[in-house]
Amino acid sequence: MTIVVGHLATPEGQEALRTAVTEARERQVPLVVVTSGKQPLDECQAQTEELVGRLAAGADVRVEQGTGDLAEDLIRTATSTGAALIVIGLRKRSPVGKLILGAGAQRILVEAPCPVLAVKV
């Protein structure tokens, strides 16, 4: 069992990572951080390790390079690791924007093999 989260250099992505670290620590399970594929893996790994070090020193964390399709990467990783949870970040939207959740988030919610925790920023 693992917790899977996508790494994005956005406020939503950072809050999702913070929440995922907390969940992994409380559940005492490994955390798999999937990069967006847009940042170099070593840069994502350094940012992730810094945050994890502040929140949960000694946590079992693995960083995987994404392909650029974060929804697909999260679903695939959750399936292959037998994930207990996927954590995603969402931003506040306008009234019109609320009618459309977002293609990536919607796809994750519909196709995920496990529960999804959506963290709103």
PDB file of N, CA and C in Angstrom:
ATOM      1  N   MET A   1       0.839  -1.187   0.000  1.00  0.00           N
ATOM      2  CA  MET A   1       0.000   0.000   0.000  1.00  0.00           C
ATOM      3  C   MET A   1       0.880   1.245   0.000  1.00  0.00           C
ATOM      4  N   THR A   2       0.464   2.225  -0.766  1.00  0.00           N
ATOM      5  CA  THR A   2       1.185   3.489  -0.848  1.00  0.00           C
ATOM      6  C   THR A   2       0.175   4.629  -0.935  1.00  0.00           C
ATOM      7  N   ILE A   3       0.702   5.831  -0.880  1.00  0.00           N
ATOM      8  CA  ILE A   3      -0.063   7.023  -1.221  1.00  0.00           C
ATOM      9  C   ILE A   3       0.649   7.641  -2.406  1.00  0.00           C
ATOM     10  N   VAL A   4      -0.126   8.058  -3.402  1.00  0.00           N
ATOM     11  CA  VAL A   4       0.430   8.615  -4.631  1.00  0.00           C
ATOM     12  C   VAL A   4      -0.010  10.068  -4.747  1.00  0.00           C
ATOM     13  N   VAL A   5       0.937  10.935  -5.123  1.00  0.00           N
ATOM     14  CA  VAL A   5       0.637  12.356  -5.310  1.00  0.00           C
ATOM     15  C   VAL A   5       1.442  12.862  -6.498  1.00  0.00           C
ATOM     16  N   GLY A   6       0.859  13.812  -7.223  1.00  0.00           N
ATOM     17  CA  GLY A   6       1.571  14.439  -8.328  1.00  0.00           C
ATOM     18  C   GLY A   6       2.319  15.669  -7.839  1.00  0.00           C
ATOM     19  N   HIS A   7       3.524  15.884  -8.373  1.00  0.00           N
ATOM     20  CA  HIS A   7       4.307  17.054  -8.001  1.00  0.00           C
ATOM     21  C   HIS A   7       4.156  18.125  -9.071  1.00  0.00           C
ATOM     22  N   LEU A   8       3.603  19.240  -8.703  1.00  0.00           N
ATOM     23  CA  LEU A   8       3.493  20.407  -9.575  1.00  0.00           C
ATOM     24  C   LEU A   8       4.036  21.607  -8.816  1.00  0.00           C
ATOM     25  N   ALA A   9       4.705  22.492  -9.515  1.00  0.00           N
ATOM     26  CA  ALA A   9       5.255  23.689  -8.880  1.00  0.00           C
ATOM     27  C   ALA A   9       4.202  24.789  -8.852  1.00  0.00           C
ATOM     28  N   THR A  10       3.060  24.477  -8.285  1.00  0.00           N
ATOM     29  CA  THR A  10       1.948  25.422  -8.143  1.00  0.00           C
ATOM     30  C   THR A  10       1.500  25.384  -6.692  1.00  0.00           C
ATOM     31  N   PRO A  11       0.740  26.387  -6.239  1.00  0.00           N
ATOM     32  CA  PRO A  11       0.216  26.326  -4.870  1.00  0.00           C
ATOM     33  C   PRO A  11      -0.621  25.065  -4.633  1.00  0.00           C
ATOM     34  N   GLU A  12      -1.414  24.660  -5.631  1.00  0.00           N
ATOM     35  CA  GLU A  12      -2.239  23.450  -5.471  1.00  0.00           C
ATOM     36  C   GLU A  12      -1.361  22.205  -5.350  1.00  0.00           C
ATOM     37  N   GLY A  13      -0.323  22.161  -6.176  1.00  0.00           N
ATOM     38  CA  GLY A  13       0.578  21.020  -6.145  1.00  0.00           C
ATOM     39  C   GLY A  13       1.342  20.921  -4.842  1.00  0.00           C
ATOM     40  N   GLN A  14       1.784  22.054  -4.321  1.00  0.00           N
ATOM     41  CA  GLN A  14       2.518  22.055  -3.059  1.00  0.00           C
ATOM     42  C   GLN A  14       1.617  21.648  -1.889  1.00  0.00           C
ATOM     43  N   GLU A  15       0.364  22.113  -1.907  1.00  0.00           N
ATOM     44  CA  GLU A  15      -0.567  21.736  -0.836  1.00  0.00           C
ATOM     45  C   GLU A  15      -0.921  20.254  -0.919  1.00  0.00           C
ATOM     46  N   ALA A  16      -1.061  19.738  -2.140  1.00  0.00           N
ATOM     47  CA  ALA A  16      -1.318  18.300  -2.311  1.00  0.00           C
ATOM     48  C   ALA A  16      -0.146  17.497  -1.754  1.00  0.00           C
ATOM     49  N   LEU A  17       1.083  17.946  -2.021  1.00  0.00           N
ATOM     50  CA  LEU A  17       2.255  17.247  -1.511  1.00  0.00           C
ATOM     51  C   LEU A  17       2.306  17.288   0.009  1.00  0.00           C
ATOM     52  N   ARG A  18       2.037  18.453   0.593  1.00  0.00           N
ATOM     53  CA  ARG A  18       2.013  18.556   2.071  1.00  0.00           C
ATOM     54  C   ARG A  18       0.990  17.588   2.666  1.00  0.00           C
ATOM     55  N   THR A  19      -0.194  17.567   2.067  1.00  0.00           N
ATOM     56  CA  THR A  19      -1.263  16.693   2.566  1.00  0.00           C
ATOM     57  C   THR A  19      -0.892  15.225   2.402  1.00  0.00           C
ATOM     58  N   ALA A  20      -0.289  14.890   1.268  1.00  0.00           N
ATOM     59  CA  ALA A  20       0.108  13.501   1.025  1.00  0.00           C
ATOM     60  C   ALA A  20       1.169  13.047   2.018  1.00  0.00           C
ATOM     61  N   VAL A  21       2.121  13.923   2.328  1.00  0.00           N
ATOM     62  CA  VAL A  21       3.147  13.591   3.317  1.00  0.00           C
ATOM     63  C   VAL A  21       2.494  13.319   4.670  1.00  0.00           C
ATOM     64  N   THR A  22       1.565  14.171   5.052  1.00  0.00           N
ATOM     65  CA  THR A  22       0.858  13.991   6.328  1.00  0.00           C
ATOM     66  C   THR A  22       0.098  12.669   6.344  1.00  0.00           C
ATOM     67  N   GLU A  23      -0.634  12.382   5.269  1.00  0.00           N
ATOM     68  CA  GLU A  23      -1.388  11.127   5.180  1.00  0.00           C
ATOM     69  C   GLU A  23      -0.467   9.914   5.244  1.00  0.00           C
ATOM     70  N   ALA A  24       0.645   9.950   4.524  1.00  0.00           N
ATOM     71  CA  ALA A  24       1.587   8.833   4.525  1.00  0.00           C
ATOM     72  C   ALA A  24       2.183   8.613   5.910  1.00  0.00           C
ATOM     73  N   ARG A  25       2.502   9.721   6.573  1.00  0.00           N
ATOM     74  CA  ARG A  25       3.069   9.618   7.922  1.00  0.00           C
ATOM     75  C   ARG A  25       2.049   9.026   8.895  1.00  0.00           C
ATOM     76  N   GLU A  26       0.810   9.520   8.834  1.00  0.00           N
ATOM     77  CA  GLU A  26      -0.223   9.029   9.749  1.00  0.00           C
ATOM     78  C   GLU A  26      -0.583   7.567   9.492  1.00  0.00           C
ATOM     79  N   ARG A  27      -0.598   7.174   8.231  1.00  0.00           N
ATOM     80  CA  ARG A  27      -0.950   5.793   7.877  1.00  0.00           C
ATOM     81  C   ARG A  27       0.259   4.855   7.915  1.00  0.00           C
ATOM     82  N   GLN A  28       1.457   5.436   8.036  1.00  0.00           N
ATOM     83  CA  GLN A  28       2.711   4.689   8.046  1.00  0.00           C
ATOM     84  C   GLN A  28       2.864   3.832   6.797  1.00  0.00           C
ATOM     85  N   VAL A  29       2.682   4.499   5.635  1.00  0.00           N
ATOM     86  CA  VAL A  29       2.843   3.841   4.346  1.00  0.00           C
ATOM     87  C   VAL A  29       3.788   4.670   3.485  1.00  0.00           C
ATOM     88  N   PRO A  30       4.406   4.051   2.482  1.00  0.00           N
ATOM     89  CA  PRO A  30       5.294   4.797   1.590  1.00  0.00           C
ATOM     90  C   PRO A  30       4.530   5.830   0.763  1.00  0.00           C
ATOM     91  N   LEU A  31       5.239   6.862   0.352  1.00  0.00           N
ATOM     92  CA  LEU A  31       4.687   7.919  -0.499  1.00  0.00           C
ATOM     93  C   LEU A  31       5.401   7.876  -1.840  1.00  0.00           C
ATOM     94  N   VAL A  32       4.631   7.864  -2.924  1.00  0.00           N
ATOM     95  CA  VAL A  32       5.196   7.927  -4.269  1.00  0.00           C
ATOM     96  C   VAL A  32       4.800   9.271  -4.855  1.00  0.00           C
ATOM     97  N   VAL A  33       5.799  10.081  -5.185  1.00  0.00           N
ATOM     98  CA  VAL A  33       5.586  11.398  -5.774  1.00  0.00           C
ATOM     99  C   VAL A  33       5.872  11.287  -7.261  1.00  0.00           C
ATOM    100  N   VAL A  34       4.864  11.608  -8.080  1.00  0.00           N
ATOM    101  CA  VAL A  34       5.009  11.532  -9.533  1.00  0.00           C
ATOM    102  C   VAL A  34       5.201  12.948 -10.057  1.00  0.00           C
ATOM    103  N   THR A  35       6.298  13.166 -10.794  1.00  0.00           N
ATOM    104  CA  THR A  35       6.562  14.497 -11.335  1.00  0.00           C
ATOM    105  C   THR A  35       5.662  14.752 -12.535  1.00  0.00           C
ATOM    106  N   SER A  36       5.519  15.999 -12.879  1.00  0.00           N
ATOM    107  CA  SER A  36       4.681  16.363 -14.017  1.00  0.00           C
ATOM    108  C   SER A  36       5.346  16.049 -15.346  1.00  0.00           C
ATOM    109  N   GLY A  37       6.633  15.776 -15.323  1.00  0.00           N
ATOM    110  CA  GLY A  37       7.363  15.525 -16.553  1.00  0.00           C
ATOM    111  C   GLY A  37       7.909  16.798 -17.171  1.00  0.00           C
ATOM    112  N   LYS A  38       7.519  17.955 -16.608  1.00  0.00           N
ATOM    113  CA  LYS A  38       7.970  19.242 -17.151  1.00  0.00           C
ATOM    114  C   LYS A  38       9.209  19.758 -16.429  1.00  0.00           C
ATOM    115  N   GLN A  39       9.421  19.291 -15.206  1.00  0.00           N
ATOM    116  CA  GLN A  39      10.603  19.687 -14.443  1.00  0.00           C
ATOM    117  C   GLN A  39      11.598  18.541 -14.462  1.00  0.00           C
ATOM    118  N   PRO A  40      12.897  18.830 -14.425  1.00  0.00           N
ATOM    119  CA  PRO A  40      13.882  17.753 -14.334  1.00  0.00           C
ATOM    120  C   PRO A  40      13.661  16.936 -13.054  1.00  0.00           C
ATOM    121  N   LEU A  41      13.871  15.635 -13.160  1.00  0.00           N
ATOM    122  CA  LEU A  41      13.637  14.736 -12.029  1.00  0.00           C
ATOM    123  C   LEU A  41      14.453  15.132 -10.812  1.00  0.00           C
ATOM    124  N   ASP A  42      15.726  15.509 -10.994  1.00  0.00           N
ATOM    125  CA  ASP A  42      16.552  15.855  -9.838  1.00  0.00           C
ATOM    126  C   ASP A  42      16.048  17.105  -9.132  1.00  0.00           C
ATOM    127  N   GLU A  43      15.501  18.057  -9.886  1.00  0.00           N
ATOM    128  CA  GLU A  43      14.931  19.269  -9.286  1.00  0.00           C
ATOM    129  C   GLU A  43      13.687  18.921  -8.470  1.00  0.00           C
ATOM    130  N   CYS A  44      12.823  18.081  -9.003  1.00  0.00           N
ATOM    131  CA  CYS A  44      11.621  17.654  -8.283  1.00  0.00           C
ATOM    132  C   CYS A  44      11.995  16.867  -7.043  1.00  0.00           C
ATOM    133  N   GLN A  45      13.001  15.996  -7.188  1.00  0.00           N
ATOM    134  CA  GLN A  45      13.415  15.181  -6.057  1.00  0.00           C
ATOM    135  C   GLN A  45      13.954  16.061  -4.930  1.00  0.00           C
ATOM    136  N   ALA A  46      14.737  17.074  -5.275  1.00  0.00           N
ATOM    137  CA  ALA A  46      15.296  17.976  -4.265  1.00  0.00           C
ATOM    138  C   ALA A  46      14.192  18.736  -3.548  1.00  0.00           C
ATOM    139  N   GLN A  47      13.211  19.259  -4.296  1.00  0.00           N
ATOM    140  CA  GLN A  47      12.095  19.987  -3.692  1.00  0.00           C
ATOM    141  C   GLN A  47      11.278  19.066  -2.792  1.00  0.00           C
ATOM    142  N   THR A  48      11.032  17.855  -3.253  1.00  0.00           N
ATOM    143  CA  THR A  48      10.249  16.888  -2.487  1.00  0.00           C
ATOM    144  C   THR A  48      10.982  16.515  -1.207  1.00  0.00           C
ATOM    145  N   GLU A  49      12.273  16.215  -1.326  1.00  0.00           N
ATOM    146  CA  GLU A  49      13.043  15.829  -0.142  1.00  0.00           C
ATOM    147  C   GLU A  49      13.102  16.956   0.881  1.00  0.00           C
ATOM    148  N   GLU A  50      13.198  18.205   0.411  1.00  0.00           N
ATOM    149  CA  GLU A  50      13.223  19.340   1.337  1.00  0.00           C
ATOM    150  C   GLU A  50      11.912  19.412   2.123  1.00  0.00           C
ATOM    151  N   LEU A  51      10.785  19.317   1.408  1.00  0.00           N
ATOM    152  CA  LEU A  51       9.489  19.394   2.064  1.00  0.00           C
ATOM    153  C   LEU A  51       9.267  18.210   2.990  1.00  0.00           C
ATOM    154  N   VAL A  52       9.573  17.025   2.517  1.00  0.00           N
ATOM    155  CA  VAL A  52       9.397  15.825   3.334  1.00  0.00           C
ATOM    156  C   VAL A  52      10.286  15.901   4.562  1.00  0.00           C
ATOM    157  N   GLY A  53      11.505  16.381   4.390  1.00  0.00           N
ATOM    158  CA  GLY A  53      12.422  16.512   5.522  1.00  0.00           C
ATOM    159  C   GLY A  53      11.865  17.414   6.601  1.00  0.00           C
ATOM    160  N   ARG A  54      11.170  18.473   6.190  1.00  0.00           N
ATOM    161  CA  ARG A  54      10.576  19.382   7.169  1.00  0.00           C
ATOM    162  C   ARG A  54       9.352  18.775   7.834  1.00  0.00           C
ATOM    163  N   LEU A  55       8.585  17.970   7.101  1.00  0.00           N
ATOM    164  CA  LEU A  55       7.320  17.463   7.627  1.00  0.00           C
ATOM    165  C   LEU A  55       7.415  16.082   8.261  1.00  0.00           C
ATOM    166  N   ALA A  56       8.256  15.237   7.702  1.00  0.00           N
ATOM    167  CA  ALA A  56       8.290  13.855   8.181  1.00  0.00           C
ATOM    168  C   ALA A  56       9.659  13.246   7.912  1.00  0.00           C
ATOM    169  N   ALA A  57      10.628  13.629   8.699  1.00  0.00           N
ATOM    170  CA  ALA A  57      11.979  13.109   8.530  1.00  0.00           C
ATOM    171  C   ALA A  57      11.955  11.587   8.607  1.00  0.00           C
ATOM    172  N   GLY A  58      12.689  10.959   7.719  1.00  0.00           N
ATOM    173  CA  GLY A  58      12.775   9.503   7.728  1.00  0.00           C
ATOM    174  C   GLY A  58      11.630   8.815   7.013  1.00  0.00           C
ATOM    175  N   ALA A  59      10.753   9.570   6.384  1.00  0.00           N
ATOM    176  CA  ALA A  59       9.620   8.965   5.678  1.00  0.00           C
ATOM    177  C   ALA A  59      10.114   8.184   4.464  1.00  0.00           C
ATOM    178  N   ASP A  60       9.366   7.173   4.079  1.00  0.00           N
ATOM    179  CA  ASP A  60       9.678   6.354   2.905  1.00  0.00           C
ATOM    180  C   ASP A  60       9.054   7.032   1.689  1.00  0.00           C
ATOM    181  N   VAL A  61       9.887   7.750   0.918  1.00  0.00           N
ATOM    182  CA  VAL A  61       9.401   8.533  -0.224  1.00  0.00           C
ATOM    183  C   VAL A  61      10.180   8.155  -1.469  1.00  0.00           C
ATOM    184  N   ARG A  62       9.445   7.945  -2.553  1.00  0.00           N
ATOM    185  CA  ARG A  62      10.060   7.664  -3.854  1.00  0.00           C
ATOM    186  C   ARG A  62       9.537   8.677  -4.862  1.00  0.00           C
ATOM    187  N   VAL A  63      10.407   9.221  -5.698  1.00  0.00           N
ATOM    188  CA  VAL A  63      10.006  10.176  -6.727  1.00  0.00           C
ATOM    189  C   VAL A  63      10.151   9.496  -8.084  1.00  0.00           C
ATOM    190  N   GLU A  64       9.078   9.569  -8.896  1.00  0.00           N
ATOM    191  CA  GLU A  64       9.087   8.967 -10.229  1.00  0.00           C
ATOM    192  C   GLU A  64       8.863  10.042 -11.283  1.00  0.00           C
ATOM    193  N   GLN A  65       9.565   9.925 -12.393  1.00  0.00           N
ATOM    194  CA  GLN A  65       9.427  10.869 -13.499  1.00  0.00           C
ATOM    195  C   GLN A  65       8.123  10.592 -14.237  1.00  0.00           C
ATOM    196  N   GLY A  66       7.331  11.636 -14.431  1.00  0.00           N
ATOM    197  CA  GLY A  66       6.095  11.514 -15.197  1.00  0.00           C
ATOM    198  C   GLY A  66       6.356  11.653 -16.682  1.00  0.00           C
ATOM    199  N   THR A  67       5.317  11.374 -17.461  1.00  0.00           N
ATOM    200  CA  THR A  67       5.447  11.438 -18.922  1.00  0.00           C
ATOM    201  C   THR A  67       4.926  12.751 -19.485  1.00  0.00           C
ATOM    202  N   GLY A  68       4.261  13.536 -18.664  1.00  0.00           N
ATOM    203  CA  GLY A  68       3.644  14.774 -19.135  1.00  0.00           C
ATOM    204  C   GLY A  68       2.135  14.717 -19.056  1.00  0.00           C
ATOM    205  N   ASP A  69       1.562  13.518 -18.972  1.00  0.00           N
ATOM    206  CA  ASP A  69       0.123  13.335 -18.774  1.00  0.00           C
ATOM    207  C   ASP A  69      -0.066  12.921 -17.321  1.00  0.00           C
ATOM    208  N   LEU A  70      -0.180  13.919 -16.442  1.00  0.00           N
ATOM    209  CA  LEU A  70      -0.184  13.644 -14.997  1.00  0.00           C
ATOM    210  C   LEU A  70      -1.339  12.745 -14.582  1.00  0.00           C
ATOM    211  N   ALA A  71      -2.513  12.934 -15.161  1.00  0.00           N
ATOM    212  CA  ALA A  71      -3.650  12.075 -14.810  1.00  0.00           C
ATOM    213  C   ALA A  71      -3.322  10.621 -15.115  1.00  0.00           C
ATOM    214  N   GLU A  72      -2.819  10.353 -16.305  1.00  0.00           N
ATOM    215  CA  GLU A  72      -2.453   8.989 -16.695  1.00  0.00           C
ATOM    216  C   GLU A  72      -1.361   8.443 -15.785  1.00  0.00           C
ATOM    217  N   ASP A  73      -0.363   9.274 -15.503  1.00  0.00           N
ATOM    218  CA  ASP A  73       0.745   8.841 -14.644  1.00  0.00           C
ATOM    219  C   ASP A  73       0.262   8.485 -13.240  1.00  0.00           C
ATOM    220  N   LEU A  74      -0.616   9.296 -12.668  1.00  0.00           N
ATOM    221  CA  LEU A  74      -1.122   9.015 -11.318  1.00  0.00           C
ATOM    222  C   LEU A  74      -1.955   7.745 -11.286  1.00  0.00           C
ATOM    223  N   ILE A  75      -2.812   7.565 -12.270  1.00  0.00           N
ATOM    224  CA  ILE A  75      -3.651   6.365 -12.330  1.00  0.00           C
ATOM    225  C   ILE A  75      -2.780   5.119 -12.494  1.00  0.00           C
ATOM    226  N   ARG A  76      -1.823   5.170 -13.408  1.00  0.00           N
ATOM    227  CA  ARG A  76      -0.930   4.030 -13.650  1.00  0.00           C
ATOM    228  C   ARG A  76      -0.116   3.699 -12.396  1.00  0.00           C
ATOM    229  N   THR A  77       0.433   4.727 -11.756  1.00  0.00           N
ATOM    230  CA  THR A  77       1.249   4.507 -10.564  1.00  0.00           C
ATOM    231  C   THR A  77       0.403   3.956  -9.420  1.00  0.00           C
ATOM    232  N   ALA A  78      -0.789   4.501  -9.245  1.00  0.00           N
ATOM    233  CA  ALA A  78      -1.676   4.003  -8.184  1.00  0.00           C
ATOM    234  C   ALA A  78      -2.034   2.537  -8.420  1.00  0.00           C
ATOM    235  N   THR A  79      -2.259   2.172  -9.664  1.00  0.00           N
ATOM    236  CA  THR A  79      -2.593   0.787  -9.994  1.00  0.00           C
ATOM    237  C   THR A  79      -1.405  -0.135  -9.741  1.00  0.00           C
ATOM    238  N   SER A  80      -0.230   0.276 -10.204  1.00  0.00           N
ATOM    239  CA  SER A  80       0.947  -0.600 -10.082  1.00  0.00           C
ATOM    240  C   SER A  80       1.450  -0.741  -8.648  1.00  0.00           C
ATOM    241  N   THR A  81       1.189   0.250  -7.812  1.00  0.00           N
ATOM    242  CA  THR A  81       1.671   0.186  -6.421  1.00  0.00           C
ATOM    243  C   THR A  81       0.609  -0.297  -5.439  1.00  0.00           C
ATOM    244  N   GLY A  82      -0.605  -0.520  -5.927  1.00  0.00           N
ATOM    245  CA  GLY A  82      -1.690  -0.902  -5.012  1.00  0.00           C
ATOM    246  C   GLY A  82      -1.999   0.216  -4.036  1.00  0.00           C
ATOM    247  N   ALA A  83      -2.038   1.433  -4.543  1.00  0.00           N
ATOM    248  CA  ALA A  83      -2.192   2.618  -3.692  1.00  0.00           C
ATOM    249  C   ALA A  83      -3.475   2.583  -2.864  1.00  0.00           C
ATOM    250  N   ALA A  84      -3.357   3.099  -1.662  1.00  0.00           N
ATOM    251  CA  ALA A  84      -4.512   3.254  -0.782  1.00  0.00           C
ATOM    252  C   ALA A  84      -5.208   4.583  -1.033  1.00  0.00           C
ATOM    253  N   LEU A  85      -4.479   5.545  -1.650  1.00  0.00           N
ATOM    254  CA  LEU A  85      -5.010   6.888  -1.813  1.00  0.00           C
ATOM    255  C   LEU A  85      -4.207   7.647  -2.868  1.00  0.00           C
ATOM    256  N   ILE A  86      -4.903   8.458  -3.654  1.00  0.00           N
ATOM    257  CA  ILE A  86      -4.273   9.438  -4.536  1.00  0.00           C
ATOM    258  C   ILE A  86      -4.642  10.807  -3.987  1.00  0.00           C
ATOM    259  N   VAL A  87      -3.669  11.704  -3.899  1.00  0.00           N
ATOM    260  CA  VAL A  87      -3.925  13.059  -3.427  1.00  0.00           C
ATOM    261  C   VAL A  87      -3.700  14.022  -4.592  1.00  0.00           C
ATOM    262  N   ILE A  88      -4.696  14.882  -4.846  1.00  0.00           N
ATOM    263  CA  ILE A  88      -4.572  15.893  -5.894  1.00  0.00           C
ATOM    264  C   ILE A  88      -4.916  17.259  -5.314  1.00  0.00           C
ATOM    265  N   GLY A  89      -4.398  18.294  -5.929  1.00  0.00           N
ATOM    266  CA  GLY A  89      -4.698  19.662  -5.517  1.00  0.00           C
ATOM    267  C   GLY A  89      -5.627  20.320  -6.520  1.00  0.00           C
ATOM    268  N   LEU A  90      -6.565  21.089  -6.015  1.00  0.00           N
ATOM    269  CA  LEU A  90      -7.490  21.839  -6.858  1.00  0.00           C
ATOM    270  C   LEU A  90      -7.448  23.299  -6.458  1.00  0.00           C
ATOM    271  N   ARG A  91      -7.656  24.170  -7.425  1.00  0.00           N
ATOM    272  CA  ARG A  91      -7.700  25.602  -7.109  1.00  0.00           C
ATOM    273  C   ARG A  91      -9.151  26.069  -7.119  1.00  0.00           C
ATOM    274  N   LYS A  92      -9.370  27.184  -6.459  1.00  0.00           N
ATOM    275  CA  LYS A  92     -10.712  27.777  -6.473  1.00  0.00           C
ATOM    276  C   LYS A  92     -11.031  28.203  -7.891  1.00  0.00           C
ATOM    277  N   ARG A  93     -12.281  28.091  -8.247  1.00  0.00           N
ATOM    278  CA  ARG A  93     -12.706  28.427  -9.604  1.00  0.00           C
ATOM    279  C   ARG A  93     -13.850  29.427  -9.563  1.00  0.00           C
ATOM    280  N   SER A  94     -14.028  30.112 -10.671  1.00  0.00           N
ATOM    281  CA  SER A  94     -15.147  31.042 -10.815  1.00  0.00           C
ATOM    282  C   SER A  94     -16.448  30.237 -10.895  1.00  0.00           C
ATOM    283  N   PRO A  95     -17.602  30.892 -10.760  1.00  0.00           N
ATOM    284  CA  PRO A  95     -18.870  30.157 -10.881  1.00  0.00           C
ATOM    285  C   PRO A  95     -18.979  29.371 -12.191  1.00  0.00           C
ATOM    286  N   VAL A  96     -18.523  29.947 -13.285  1.00  0.00           N
ATOM    287  CA  VAL A  96     -18.563  29.222 -14.554  1.00  0.00           C
ATOM    288  C   VAL A  96     -17.554  28.074 -14.532  1.00  0.00           C
ATOM    289  N   GLY A  97     -16.388  28.321 -13.984  1.00  0.00           N
ATOM    290  CA  GLY A  97     -15.360  27.294 -13.902  1.00  0.00           C
ATOM    291  C   GLY A  97     -15.769  26.108 -13.052  1.00  0.00           C
ATOM    292  N   LYS A  98     -16.671  26.342 -12.105  1.00  0.00           N
ATOM    293  CA  LYS A  98     -17.134  25.250 -11.250  1.00  0.00           C
ATOM    294  C   LYS A  98     -17.964  24.232 -12.017  1.00  0.00           C
ATOM    295  N   LEU A  99     -18.513  24.654 -13.136  1.00  0.00           N
ATOM    296  CA  LEU A  99     -19.276  23.715 -13.954  1.00  0.00           C
ATOM    297  C   LEU A  99     -18.364  22.673 -14.584  1.00  0.00           C
ATOM    298  N   ILE A 100     -17.110  23.053 -14.784  1.00  0.00           N
ATOM    299  CA  ILE A 100     -16.141  22.147 -15.387  1.00  0.00           C
ATOM    300  C   ILE A 100     -15.020  21.946 -14.376  1.00  0.00           C
ATOM    301  N   LEU A 101     -14.903  20.751 -13.840  1.00  0.00           N
ATOM    302  CA  LEU A 101     -13.918  20.466 -12.801  1.00  0.00           C
ATOM    303  C   LEU A 101     -12.495  20.585 -13.333  1.00  0.00           C
ATOM    304  N   GLY A 102     -12.290  20.203 -14.554  1.00  0.00           N
ATOM    305  CA  GLY A 102     -10.956  20.122 -15.129  1.00  0.00           C
ATOM    306  C   GLY A 102     -10.765  18.717 -15.642  1.00  0.00           C
ATOM    307  N   ALA A 103     -10.302  18.601 -16.855  1.00  0.00           N
ATOM    308  CA  ALA A 103     -10.210  17.290 -17.500  1.00  0.00           C
ATOM    309  C   ALA A 103      -9.323  16.326 -16.721  1.00  0.00           C
ATOM    310  N   GLY A 104      -8.167  16.798 -16.264  1.00  0.00           N
ATOM    311  CA  GLY A 104      -7.262  15.922 -15.530  1.00  0.00           C
ATOM    312  C   GLY A 104      -7.847  15.452 -14.214  1.00  0.00           C
ATOM    313  N   ALA A 105      -8.371  16.378 -13.429  1.00  0.00           N
ATOM    314  CA  ALA A 105      -8.954  16.021 -12.134  1.00  0.00           C
ATOM    315  C   ALA A 105     -10.149  15.099 -12.312  1.00  0.00           C
ATOM    316  N   GLN A 106     -10.983  15.400 -13.282  1.00  0.00           N
ATOM    317  CA  GLN A 106     -12.151  14.569 -13.521  1.00  0.00           C
ATOM    318  C   GLN A 106     -11.734  13.151 -13.921  1.00  0.00           C
ATOM    319  N   ARG A 107     -10.750  13.067 -14.770  1.00  0.00           N
ATOM    320  CA  ARG A 107     -10.275  11.750 -15.202  1.00  0.00           C
ATOM    321  C   ARG A 107      -9.726  10.945 -14.031  1.00  0.00           C
ATOM    322  N   ILE A 108      -8.964  11.594 -13.161  1.00  0.00           N
ATOM    323  CA  ILE A 108      -8.423  10.909 -11.989  1.00  0.00           C
ATOM    324  C   ILE A 108      -9.554  10.412 -11.102  1.00  0.00           C
ATOM    325  N   LEU A 109     -10.537  11.268 -10.839  1.00  0.00           N
ATOM    326  CA  LEU A 109     -11.649  10.875  -9.983  1.00  0.00           C
ATOM    327  C   LEU A 109     -12.425   9.697 -10.545  1.00  0.00           C
ATOM    328  N   VAL A 110     -12.617   9.678 -11.850  1.00  0.00           N
ATOM    329  CA  VAL A 110     -13.416   8.621 -12.482  1.00  0.00           C
ATOM    330  C   VAL A 110     -12.633   7.318 -12.639  1.00  0.00           C
ATOM    331  N   GLU A 111     -11.347   7.405 -13.004  1.00  0.00           N
ATOM    332  CA  GLU A 111     -10.587   6.213 -13.350  1.00  0.00           C
ATOM    333  C   GLU A 111      -9.687   5.676 -12.238  1.00  0.00           C
ATOM    334  N   ALA A 112      -9.569   6.370 -11.140  1.00  0.00           N
ATOM    335  CA  ALA A 112      -8.658   5.945 -10.074  1.00  0.00           C
ATOM    336  C   ALA A 112      -9.062   4.590  -9.505  1.00  0.00           C
ATOM    337  N   PRO A 113      -8.065   3.751  -9.217  1.00  0.00           N
ATOM    338  CA  PRO A 113      -8.345   2.439  -8.645  1.00  0.00           C
ATOM    339  C   PRO A 113      -8.503   2.470  -7.120  1.00  0.00           C
ATOM    340  N   CYS A 114      -8.481   3.682  -6.543  1.00  0.00           N
ATOM    341  CA  CYS A 114      -8.546   3.833  -5.089  1.00  0.00           C
ATOM    342  C   CYS A 114      -9.207   5.179  -4.784  1.00  0.00           C
ATOM    343  N   PRO A 115      -9.482   5.460  -3.513  1.00  0.00           N
ATOM    344  CA  PRO A 115     -10.034   6.779  -3.173  1.00  0.00           C
ATOM    345  C   PRO A 115      -9.092   7.916  -3.568  1.00  0.00           C
ATOM    346  N   VAL A 116      -9.699   9.069  -3.859  1.00  0.00           N
ATOM    347  CA  VAL A 116      -8.943  10.260  -4.227  1.00  0.00           C
ATOM    348  C   VAL A 116      -9.276  11.358  -3.222  1.00  0.00           C
ATOM    349  N   LEU A 117      -8.236  11.974  -2.672  1.00  0.00           N
ATOM    350  CA  LEU A 117      -8.404  13.101  -1.762  1.00  0.00           C
ATOM    351  C   LEU A 117      -8.066  14.363  -2.531  1.00  0.00           C
ATOM    352  N   ALA A 118      -9.048  15.235  -2.730  1.00  0.00           N
ATOM    353  CA  ALA A 118      -8.850  16.494  -3.441  1.00  0.00           C
ATOM    354  C   ALA A 118      -8.668  17.607  -2.418  1.00  0.00           C
ATOM    355  N   VAL A 119      -7.519  18.277  -2.483  1.00  0.00           N
ATOM    356  CA  VAL A 119      -7.185  19.344  -1.558  1.00  0.00           C
ATOM    357  C   VAL A 119      -7.399  20.671  -2.277  1.00  0.00           C
ATOM    358  N   LYS A 120      -8.285  21.497  -1.751  1.00  0.00           N
ATOM    359  CA  LYS A 120      -8.585  22.769  -2.392  1.00  0.00           C
ATOM    360  C   LYS A 120      -7.730  23.873  -1.789  1.00  0.00           C
ATOM    361  N   VAL A 121      -7.167  24.697  -2.651  1.00  0.00           N
ATOM    362  CA  VAL A 121      -6.330  25.825  -2.213  1.00  0.00           C
ATOM    363  C   VAL A 121      -7.101  27.101  -2.409  1.00  0.00           C
TER     364      VAL A 121
END
